[in-house]
């Protein structure tokens, strides 16, 4: 992880962007390098930076409700076109459907807009390390609403078959990821080193040909486990 992480703020409310910028400035490890007022503007700015060989942001804080192009479609476009850029979506308590849509679009997680400064900073740094921000309470609610509890039996069987290459340890870790636990929490739960957790997560992603931890959680829940 670079010494100082580059952050992009995407929100149609200038005061909201200013507020998050002030919170992020509390950390010497974070710097806001670019801001956008809607999703299309964000994509245009990223495209311009790439064409100019300018550094791309490491993490984007993305609002979901914006004019021109909303946060979900923007997240889908950015994670496809700029795979090195991680996206954290900002939601409110009544926007679980938006949160699930963002996860399936490629976001590395989501935060409530009333997040406290230390939690915001920790979340941005965790996502930059390759972790996912999926708090257990909200994760379960979002996934339960977004994935039917009773998929047809043949679909569940197909999903479970995809998990067959995993070792018992990898299955344990995949299940804990699906419960919204971080690498540090998994390390404590299973009494193994954090580095071992990271290696196992990398192997899970490789074996299942998945992009990130969010996709592990979605696959696990779709399999009915």
Protein backbone atom coordinates (compact mmCIF):
# COMPACT_ATOMS: atom_id res chain seq x y z
CA UNK A 1 0.00 0.00 0.00
CA UNK A 2 1.45 3.42 -0.91
CA UNK A 3 2.59 5.75 1.88
CA UNK A 4 -0.25 8.15 1.13
CA UNK A 5 -3.52 6.95 -0.35
CA UNK A 6 -5.22 9.01 -3.05
CA UNK A 7 -8.95 9.47 -2.51
CA UNK A 8 -11.66 10.59 -4.93
CA UNK A 9 -14.98 11.99 -3.66
CA UNK A 10 -18.07 11.58 -5.85
CA UNK A 11 -21.20 13.28 -4.51
CA UNK A 12 -23.59 15.82 -6.02
CA UNK A 13 -23.67 17.80 -2.76
CA UNK A 14 -20.62 20.09 -2.41
CA UNK A 15 -21.11 20.34 1.35
CA UNK A 16 -21.08 16.55 1.66
CA UNK A 17 -17.82 16.37 -0.27
CA UNK A 18 -16.35 19.09 1.91
CA UNK A 19 -17.42 17.26 5.05
CA UNK A 20 -15.83 13.97 3.99
CA UNK A 21 -12.69 15.79 2.85
CA UNK A 22 -12.33 17.38 6.28
CA UNK A 23 -12.77 13.99 7.95
CA UNK A 24 -10.18 12.34 5.72
CA UNK A 25 -7.66 15.10 6.40
CA UNK A 26 -7.48 13.88 9.99
CA UNK A 27 -5.25 11.08 8.69
CA UNK A 28 -1.76 11.86 7.37
CA UNK A 29 -2.05 8.72 5.21
CA UNK A 30 -4.96 10.02 3.10
CA UNK A 31 -5.21 12.83 0.58
CA UNK A 32 -8.21 13.88 -1.51
CA UNK A 33 -6.86 14.33 -5.02
CA UNK A 34 -10.01 14.74 -7.11
CA UNK A 35 -13.74 15.38 -6.68
CA UNK A 36 -16.77 14.92 -8.95
CA UNK A 37 -20.39 16.04 -8.73
CA UNK A 38 -21.92 13.02 -10.50
CA UNK A 39 -20.99 9.65 -11.91
CA UNK A 40 -20.39 10.72 -15.48
CA UNK A 41 -18.09 13.50 -14.35
CA UNK A 42 -16.17 10.95 -12.26
CA UNK A 43 -15.69 8.63 -15.24
CA UNK A 44 -14.61 11.55 -17.43
CA UNK A 45 -12.06 12.69 -14.86
CA UNK A 46 -10.62 9.19 -14.46
CA UNK A 47 -10.40 8.76 -18.22
CA UNK A 48 -8.60 12.10 -18.56
CA UNK A 49 -6.15 11.23 -15.78
CA UNK A 50 -5.32 7.91 -17.40
CA UNK A 51 -4.77 9.54 -20.80
CA UNK A 52 -2.44 12.08 -19.16
CA UNK A 53 -0.61 9.30 -17.26
CA UNK A 54 -1.65 11.03 -14.02
CA UNK A 55 -2.04 8.86 -10.89
CA UNK A 56 -5.49 7.37 -10.42
CA UNK A 57 -7.16 7.41 -7.02
CA UNK A 58 -6.70 4.35 -4.84
CA UNK A 59 -10.18 4.56 -3.32
CA UNK A 60 -13.38 6.35 -4.36
CA UNK A 61 -16.08 7.37 -1.88
CA UNK A 62 -19.23 7.13 -3.99
CA UNK A 63 -22.69 8.48 -3.26
CA UNK A 64 -25.53 6.38 -4.72
CA UNK A 65 -28.18 8.99 -5.48
CA UNK A 66 -26.83 11.44 -8.05
CA UNK A 67 -28.08 13.08 -11.24
CA UNK A 68 -26.78 12.20 -14.73
CA UNK A 69 -25.34 8.83 -13.65
CA UNK A 70 -26.05 7.25 -10.28
CA UNK A 71 -23.52 5.59 -8.01
CA UNK A 72 -24.42 2.02 -8.93
CA UNK A 73 -23.95 2.42 -12.68
CA UNK A 74 -20.86 4.54 -12.07
CA UNK A 75 -19.40 1.83 -9.85
CA UNK A 76 -20.06 -0.78 -12.53
CA UNK A 77 -18.32 1.31 -15.19
CA UNK A 78 -15.35 2.22 -13.00
CA UNK A 79 -14.65 -1.29 -11.69
CA UNK A 80 -14.75 -2.56 -15.27
CA UNK A 81 -12.63 0.16 -16.85
CA UNK A 82 -10.32 0.93 -13.90
CA UNK A 83 -9.88 -2.35 -12.01
CA UNK A 84 -7.14 -0.99 -9.75
CA UNK A 85 -9.52 1.59 -8.26
CA UNK A 86 -11.55 0.48 -5.23
CA UNK A 87 -15.02 1.89 -4.56
CA UNK A 88 -16.70 2.46 -1.20
CA UNK A 89 -20.37 3.36 -1.54
CA UNK A 90 -22.07 5.77 0.85
CA UNK A 91 -25.62 4.89 1.86
CA UNK A 92 -28.24 5.73 4.46
CA UNK A 93 -30.22 3.32 6.60
CA UNK A 94 -33.11 3.25 4.12
CA UNK A 95 -30.99 2.46 1.05
CA UNK A 96 -30.18 -1.24 1.48
CA UNK A 97 -31.33 -1.99 -2.06
CA UNK A 98 -28.84 0.55 -3.33
CA UNK A 99 -26.11 -1.03 -1.21
CA UNK A 100 -26.78 -4.49 -2.65
CA UNK A 101 -26.82 -3.09 -6.17
CA UNK A 102 -23.48 -1.43 -5.54
CA UNK A 103 -21.94 -4.65 -4.23
CA UNK A 104 -23.03 -6.61 -7.26
CA UNK A 105 -21.72 -3.77 -9.46
CA UNK A 106 -18.23 -4.23 -7.99
CA UNK A 107 -18.01 -2.02 -4.91
CA UNK A 108 -15.63 -3.20 -2.21
CA UNK A 109 -18.14 -2.29 0.46
CA UNK A 110 -20.41 0.41 1.79
CA UNK A 111 -20.56 2.85 4.64
CA UNK A 112 -23.42 4.67 6.28
CA UNK A 113 -23.28 8.40 5.67
CA UNK A 114 -23.21 9.12 9.40
CA UNK A 115 -19.94 7.18 9.75
CA UNK A 116 -17.57 8.48 12.41
CA UNK A 117 -14.22 9.89 11.33
CA UNK A 118 -12.05 7.07 12.79
CA UNK A 119 -14.28 4.45 11.16
CA UNK A 120 -14.20 6.23 7.80
CA UNK A 121 -10.41 6.42 7.84
CA UNK A 122 -10.10 2.78 8.89
CA UNK A 123 -12.52 1.69 6.16
CA UNK A 124 -10.68 3.55 3.41
CA UNK A 125 -7.36 2.08 4.52
CA UNK A 126 -8.82 -1.43 4.77
CA UNK A 127 -10.28 -1.29 1.26
CA UNK A 128 -6.95 -0.06 -0.11
CA UNK A 129 -5.31 -3.14 1.47
CA UNK A 130 -7.74 -5.37 -0.40
CA UNK A 131 -10.17 -5.98 2.45
CA UNK A 132 -13.89 -5.41 2.11
CA UNK A 133 -16.15 -3.29 4.29
CA UNK A 134 -19.11 -5.53 4.98
CA UNK A 135 -20.38 -5.04 8.51
CA UNK A 136 -22.20 -8.21 9.62
CA UNK A 137 -25.56 -6.65 10.51
CA UNK A 138 -25.96 -4.67 7.32
CA UNK A 139 -24.36 -7.34 5.14
CA UNK A 140 -26.86 -9.97 6.25
CA UNK A 141 -29.76 -7.57 5.69
CA UNK A 142 -28.54 -6.48 2.28
CA UNK A 143 -27.79 -9.97 1.02
CA UNK A 144 -31.04 -11.38 2.39
CA UNK A 145 -32.98 -8.69 0.55
CA UNK A 146 -30.97 -8.99 -2.63
CA UNK A 147 -30.74 -12.79 -2.88
CA UNK A 148 -33.87 -14.96 -2.60
CA UNK A 149 -33.73 -17.30 0.37
CA UNK A 150 -35.00 -20.19 -1.71
CA UNK A 151 -33.25 -20.36 -5.04
CA UNK A 152 -34.29 -23.36 -7.15
CA UNK A 153 -32.54 -26.50 -5.95
CA UNK A 154 -30.61 -26.97 -9.19
CA UNK A 155 -29.22 -23.43 -8.93
CA UNK A 156 -28.08 -23.98 -5.35
CA UNK A 157 -26.46 -27.25 -6.41
CA UNK A 158 -24.62 -25.46 -9.20
CA UNK A 159 -23.44 -22.74 -6.83
CA UNK A 160 -22.23 -25.26 -4.25
CA UNK A 161 -20.35 -27.17 -6.93
CA UNK A 162 -18.36 -24.02 -7.63
CA UNK A 163 -17.10 -24.18 -4.04
CA UNK A 164 -15.84 -27.77 -4.34
CA UNK A 165 -12.21 -26.78 -5.09
CA UNK A 166 -11.89 -25.13 -1.68
CA UNK A 167 -10.12 -26.86 1.19
CA UNK A 168 -11.94 -27.11 4.56
CA UNK A 169 -9.93 -24.16 5.86
CA UNK A 170 -10.74 -22.10 2.79
CA UNK A 171 -14.43 -22.96 3.18
CA UNK A 172 -14.32 -21.80 6.80
CA UNK A 173 -12.80 -18.50 5.73
CA UNK A 174 -15.25 -18.07 2.84
CA UNK A 175 -18.13 -18.53 5.27
CA UNK A 176 -16.73 -15.92 7.65
CA UNK A 177 -16.22 -13.50 4.76
CA UNK A 178 -19.88 -14.03 3.87
CA UNK A 179 -20.76 -13.15 7.47
CA UNK A 180 -19.02 -9.81 6.98
CA UNK A 181 -15.90 -10.47 9.05
CA UNK A 182 -12.63 -8.70 8.28
CA UNK A 183 -9.25 -10.40 7.94
CA UNK A 184 -8.38 -9.39 11.49
CA UNK A 185 -11.63 -10.83 12.85
CA UNK A 186 -11.16 -14.06 10.89
CA UNK A 187 -7.62 -14.32 12.20
CA UNK A 188 -8.85 -14.02 15.78
CA UNK A 189 -11.78 -16.38 15.25
CA UNK A 190 -9.69 -19.16 13.70
CA UNK A 191 -6.55 -18.50 15.77
CA UNK A 192 -4.32 -18.10 12.72
CA UNK A 193 -1.97 -15.35 11.61
CA UNK A 194 -3.42 -12.44 9.57
CA UNK A 195 -0.90 -13.21 6.82
CA UNK A 196 -2.34 -16.72 6.62
CA UNK A 197 -5.84 -15.30 6.25
CA UNK A 198 -4.67 -13.06 3.40
CA UNK A 199 -3.03 -15.99 1.63
CA UNK A 200 -6.17 -18.08 1.98
CA UNK A 201 -8.36 -15.27 0.65
CA UNK A 202 -6.07 -14.91 -2.37
CA UNK A 203 -6.29 -18.65 -3.03
CA UNK A 204 -10.09 -18.58 -2.73
CA UNK A 205 -10.34 -15.75 -5.24
CA UNK A 206 -8.00 -17.56 -7.62
CA UNK A 207 -9.71 -20.94 -7.35
CA UNK A 208 -13.20 -19.49 -7.81
CA UNK A 209 -12.11 -16.92 -10.42
CA UNK A 210 -13.72 -14.12 -8.45
CA UNK A 211 -12.79 -10.45 -8.36
CA UNK A 212 -13.07 -9.66 -4.67
CA UNK A 213 -14.43 -10.61 -1.25
CA UNK A 214 -17.86 -9.25 -2.03
CA UNK A 215 -18.25 -11.83 -4.78
CA UNK A 216 -17.25 -14.54 -2.31
CA UNK A 217 -20.05 -13.42 0.01
CA UNK A 218 -22.62 -13.30 -2.79
CA UNK A 219 -21.66 -16.76 -4.08
CA UNK A 220 -21.76 -18.22 -0.56
CA UNK A 221 -25.24 -16.86 0.09
CA UNK A 222 -26.52 -17.93 -3.32
CA UNK A 223 -25.36 -21.45 -2.58
CA UNK A 224 -27.66 -21.53 0.45
CA UNK A 225 -24.87 -22.16 2.95
